[in-house]
Amino acid sequence: MTQPAVEAVLLDVGGVVLLPERAAVLGRLARAGVRVHPDRLDRGHYEALAAIEQPTAYTVARASLGYATAYLRAIGVGEDRINAAEEELFRPDQSFRVGWLQVRDGAMDELRALVATGVRLAIVSNADGTIEEELRALGVCQAGPGPGVPVVAVIDSAVVGVAKPNPRIFELALAAVGTPPARTVHVGDTLTYDLAGARAAGIHPVHYDPFRICGGDGHDDVASLVDLIPLLGRGQDG
């Protein structure tokens, strides 16, 4: 039986559109006495996620590995400097001390290509209340007229009071875009927050995996948001 085509795409921000600001990361590492090659920084984020979310998928995985340690190992920090680098670059909750203000290479062209298909876009982000302002200031996207790609809504967890993977944040996004779960997909870089949360809300999840690291768990993986386009007319499973 033919399944309904996708009418709306929900997008995570961190790791899908924005990455930690490279210059700021390098600066903090230098303060810890660490030098790494800048080209390793972006990939390091996805390798770290693979290490902590898919323990059999990547060689740096450890049973109790945290994101910060996994990231530092992935970008080439030596074991003797891990603690110093972690203290300088990360907060106690494992979040970066630097801003996620680096627009991912190619992201704008990919977003424009998505908009050109006619789907409605909305942002769903675990953030601190400032993500809508930051995306507008960076010229990435905004709800309404502006310099970036138009989106229907920017759902910021700190603003709405609920965060991924709680399905309620996805339900708020569905209400904003006006589509049922069966006609909606969500694209995110994490299995535990994005894919699990979207599934719980009945939305088809798509894993953003630009370096094709993911071992897979039966979900769709895309290395580019443009790769999502062929899936939009395919409809949803179940």
Protein backbone atom coordinates (compact mmCIF):
# COMPACT_ATOMS: atom_id res chain seq x y z
CA MET A 1 0.00 0.00 0.00
CA THR A 2 1.32 3.47 -0.84
CA GLN A 3 2.30 5.44 2.21
CA PRO A 4 1.74 9.22 2.55
CA ALA A 5 4.47 11.54 1.33
CA VAL A 6 6.36 13.68 3.80
CA GLU A 7 5.02 17.20 4.25
CA ALA A 8 7.28 18.47 7.05
CA VAL A 9 10.86 17.97 8.17
CA LEU A 10 11.93 18.64 11.74
CA LEU A 11 15.62 19.40 12.19
CA ASP A 12 18.00 19.21 15.09
CA VAL A 13 20.54 22.06 15.21
CA GLY A 14 23.72 20.91 16.97
CA GLY A 15 25.58 18.45 14.77
CA VAL A 16 23.13 18.89 11.88
CA VAL A 17 23.39 22.62 11.14
CA LEU A 18 25.84 24.02 13.69
CA LEU A 19 29.07 22.70 15.21
CA PRO A 20 31.33 23.97 18.01
CA GLU A 21 33.24 27.01 16.80
CA ARG A 22 36.57 25.69 15.54
CA ALA A 23 38.74 28.66 16.47
CA ALA A 24 37.34 28.71 20.00
CA VAL A 25 37.93 24.97 20.45
CA LEU A 26 41.52 25.29 19.26
CA GLY A 27 42.07 28.26 21.56
CA ARG A 28 40.88 26.44 24.64
CA LEU A 29 42.91 23.36 23.77
CA ALA A 30 46.00 25.55 23.38
CA ARG A 31 45.42 26.88 26.89
CA ALA A 32 45.55 23.26 28.05
CA GLY A 33 48.83 22.75 26.20
CA VAL A 34 47.22 20.73 23.42
CA ARG A 35 47.58 21.07 19.66
CA VAL A 36 45.39 19.13 17.22
CA HIS A 37 44.79 19.41 13.49
CA PRO A 38 41.74 21.61 12.78
CA ASP A 39 40.46 19.13 10.19
CA ARG A 40 39.81 16.59 12.94
CA LEU A 41 37.40 18.76 14.93
CA ASP A 42 34.16 18.33 12.99
CA ARG A 43 34.50 14.59 12.51
CA GLY A 44 35.41 14.25 16.17
CA HIS A 45 31.87 15.15 17.22
CA TYR A 46 30.33 12.29 15.25
CA GLU A 47 33.01 9.81 16.31
CA ALA A 48 32.34 10.74 19.93
CA LEU A 49 28.62 10.12 19.50
CA ALA A 50 29.34 6.76 17.90
CA ALA A 51 31.61 5.86 20.81
CA ILE A 52 29.04 6.60 23.50
CA GLU A 53 25.85 5.59 21.69
CA GLN A 54 27.09 2.57 19.72
CA PRO A 55 29.75 0.83 21.81
CA THR A 56 30.52 -1.76 19.15
CA ALA A 57 30.64 0.67 16.25
CA TYR A 58 33.86 2.55 16.94
CA THR A 59 37.22 1.57 18.33
CA VAL A 60 37.51 4.26 21.01
CA ALA A 61 34.35 3.02 22.74
CA ARG A 62 34.46 2.24 26.45
CA ALA A 63 31.57 1.02 28.57
CA SER A 64 31.58 4.14 30.75
CA LEU A 65 32.98 6.59 28.21
CA GLY A 66 31.58 10.13 28.35
CA TYR A 67 31.17 12.45 25.40
CA ALA A 68 34.00 14.78 26.43
CA THR A 69 36.62 12.04 26.68
CA ALA A 70 35.39 10.36 23.50
CA TYR A 71 35.58 13.67 21.61
CA LEU A 72 39.08 14.49 22.83
CA ARG A 73 40.36 11.04 21.91
CA ALA A 74 38.72 11.27 18.50
CA ILE A 75 40.42 14.58 17.66
CA GLY A 76 43.82 13.22 18.67
CA VAL A 77 44.43 14.46 22.22
CA GLY A 78 46.98 12.25 23.96
CA GLU A 79 45.96 10.33 27.05
CA ASP A 80 48.36 12.37 29.18
CA ARG A 81 46.50 15.60 28.26
CA ILE A 82 42.90 14.34 28.34
CA ASN A 83 42.13 15.59 31.85
CA ALA A 84 43.62 19.05 31.27
CA ALA A 85 41.87 19.42 27.91
CA GLU A 86 38.55 18.25 29.30
CA GLU A 87 38.69 20.74 32.17
CA GLU A 88 39.44 23.57 29.75
CA LEU A 89 36.98 22.70 26.98
CA PHE A 90 34.02 21.12 28.78
CA ARG A 91 31.71 21.94 31.66
CA PRO A 92 31.02 19.32 34.35
CA ASP A 93 27.83 18.29 32.51
CA GLN A 94 29.92 17.36 29.43
CA SER A 95 28.71 20.34 27.39
CA PHE A 96 31.17 22.52 25.49
CA ARG A 97 32.35 25.77 27.05
CA VAL A 98 32.49 27.24 23.54
CA GLY A 99 29.51 28.20 21.42
CA TRP A 100 27.99 26.05 18.70
CA LEU A 101 28.37 28.90 16.23
CA GLN A 102 30.16 27.21 13.33
CA VAL A 103 27.75 26.77 10.44
CA ARG A 104 28.50 23.32 9.09
CA ASP A 105 30.14 23.32 5.69
CA GLY A 106 27.45 22.83 3.05
CA ALA A 107 24.55 23.24 5.48
CA MET A 108 23.06 26.33 3.86
CA ASP A 109 22.97 24.81 0.36
CA GLU A 110 21.37 21.69 1.80
CA LEU A 111 18.71 23.67 3.68
CA ARG A 112 17.86 25.65 0.55
CA ALA A 113 17.51 22.40 -1.39
CA LEU A 114 15.10 21.07 1.24
CA VAL A 115 12.99 24.23 1.14
CA ALA A 116 12.85 24.00 -2.66
CA THR A 117 11.03 20.64 -2.36
CA GLY A 118 8.06 22.44 -0.77
CA VAL A 119 8.24 20.70 2.63
CA ARG A 120 7.70 22.73 5.75
CA LEU A 121 10.71 22.96 8.05
CA ALA A 122 10.89 23.42 11.81
CA ILE A 123 13.78 23.37 14.26
CA VAL A 124 13.64 21.13 17.34
CA SER A 125 16.62 21.77 19.59
CA ASN A 126 17.72 21.04 23.13
CA ALA A 127 19.05 24.52 23.74
CA ASP A 128 19.36 27.28 26.30
CA GLY A 129 16.70 29.73 25.15
CA THR A 130 18.87 31.55 22.61
CA ILE A 131 18.90 29.24 19.59
CA GLU A 132 16.26 31.14 17.60
CA GLU A 133 18.20 34.39 18.01
CA GLU A 134 21.50 32.70 17.14
CA LEU A 135 20.17 31.04 14.00
CA ARG A 136 18.79 34.37 12.79
CA ALA A 137 22.01 36.24 13.62
CA LEU A 138 24.04 33.65 11.72
CA GLY A 139 21.73 33.99 8.71
CA VAL A 140 20.80 30.30 8.89
CA CYS A 141 17.03 30.37 9.32
CA GLN A 142 14.17 32.14 10.99
CA ALA A 143 10.42 31.88 11.49
CA GLY A 144 9.05 34.55 9.17
CA PRO A 145 10.96 36.96 6.92
CA GLY A 146 14.69 37.31 7.36
CA PRO A 147 18.12 36.64 5.90
CA GLY A 148 18.10 32.86 6.23
CA VAL A 149 16.02 29.88 5.16
CA PRO A 150 12.36 30.23 6.21
CA VAL A 151 11.10 27.79 8.83
CA VAL A 152 7.68 27.46 10.41
CA ALA A 153 8.96 27.45 13.99
CA VAL A 154 12.05 27.18 16.17
CA ILE A 155 11.28 24.93 19.14
CA ASP A 156 13.85 25.55 21.89
CA SER A 157 13.67 23.16 24.85
CA ALA A 158 14.51 25.90 27.36
CA VAL A 159 11.64 28.03 26.05
CA VAL A 160 8.98 25.31 25.87
CA GLY A 161 10.04 23.55 29.08
CA VAL A 162 10.52 20.05 27.68
CA ALA A 163 13.54 18.47 26.00
CA LYS A 164 14.37 15.58 23.69
CA PRO A 165 13.90 12.63 23.97
CA ASN A 166 10.58 13.50 25.64
CA PRO A 167 8.02 13.06 22.83
CA ARG A 168 6.15 16.14 24.01
CA ILE A 169 8.68 18.48 22.34
CA PHE A 170 8.05 16.71 19.05
CA GLU A 171 4.30 17.01 19.55
CA LEU A 172 4.74 20.76 19.93
CA ALA A 173 6.65 20.80 16.66
CA LEU A 174 3.92 18.78 14.94
CA ALA A 175 1.34 21.30 16.10
CA ALA A 176 3.49 24.11 14.72
CA VAL A 177 3.96 22.58 11.26
CA GLY A 178 0.39 21.26 11.13
CA THR A 179 1.21 17.76 9.94
CA PRO A 180 0.48 14.33 11.42
CA PRO A 181 3.40 12.14 12.53
CA ALA A 182 2.99 9.87 9.48
CA ARG A 183 3.74 12.81 7.18
CA THR A 184 6.72 14.09 9.16
CA VAL A 185 10.35 13.13 9.58
CA HIS A 186 12.89 14.28 12.12
CA VAL A 187 16.60 14.53 11.33
CA GLY A 188 19.11 14.48 14.18
CA ASP A 189 22.63 13.36 14.99
CA THR A 190 21.94 11.41 18.19
CA LEU A 191 20.29 8.03 18.61
CA THR A 192 19.35 8.58 22.25
CA TYR A 193 17.78 12.02 21.97
CA ASP A 194 16.72 12.54 18.37
CA LEU A 195 15.85 9.12 17.02
CA ALA A 196 14.41 7.70 20.23
CA GLY A 197 12.36 10.83 20.90
CA ALA A 198 10.99 11.04 17.37
CA ARG A 199 10.02 7.37 17.40
CA ALA A 200 8.20 7.85 20.70
CA ALA A 201 6.16 10.62 19.06
CA GLY A 202 5.34 8.40 16.06
CA ILE A 203 7.62 10.38 13.73
CA HIS A 204 9.95 8.65 11.28
CA PRO A 205 13.52 9.31 12.46
CA VAL A 206 16.49 9.92 10.17
CA HIS A 207 20.03 9.83 11.52
CA TYR A 208 22.39 12.53 10.26
CA ASP A 209 25.72 10.71 9.87
CA PRO A 210 28.01 12.68 7.53
CA PHE A 211 31.02 10.37 7.89
CA ARG A 212 28.98 7.15 7.68
CA ILE A 213 30.16 5.93 11.07
CA CYS A 214 26.82 4.58 12.29
CA GLY A 215 26.45 0.83 12.59
CA GLY A 216 22.69 1.23 12.19
CA ASP A 217 19.72 -0.12 14.12
CA GLY A 218 17.23 -0.36 11.29
CA HIS A 219 16.88 3.39 10.83
CA ASP A 220 17.64 5.60 7.84
CA ASP A 221 21.03 7.33 7.77
CA VAL A 222 21.91 10.32 5.58
CA ALA A 223 25.33 11.87 5.02
CA SER A 224 23.79 15.11 3.73
CA LEU A 225 20.42 16.78 4.08
CA VAL A 226 20.17 16.52 0.30
CA ASP A 227 20.22 12.74 0.74
CA LEU A 228 16.95 13.17 2.60
CA ILE A 229 15.11 14.37 -0.49
CA PRO A 230 14.56 10.92 -2.08
CA LEU A 231 13.04 9.75 1.21
CA LEU A 232 10.41 12.48 1.25
CA GLY A 233 8.19 10.84 -1.35
CA ARG A 234 8.76 7.35 0.00
CA GLY A 235 6.42 7.76 2.96
CA GLN A 236 6.81 6.27 6.39
CA ASP A 237 7.10 2.76 7.73
CA GLY A 238 4.11 1.66 9.71
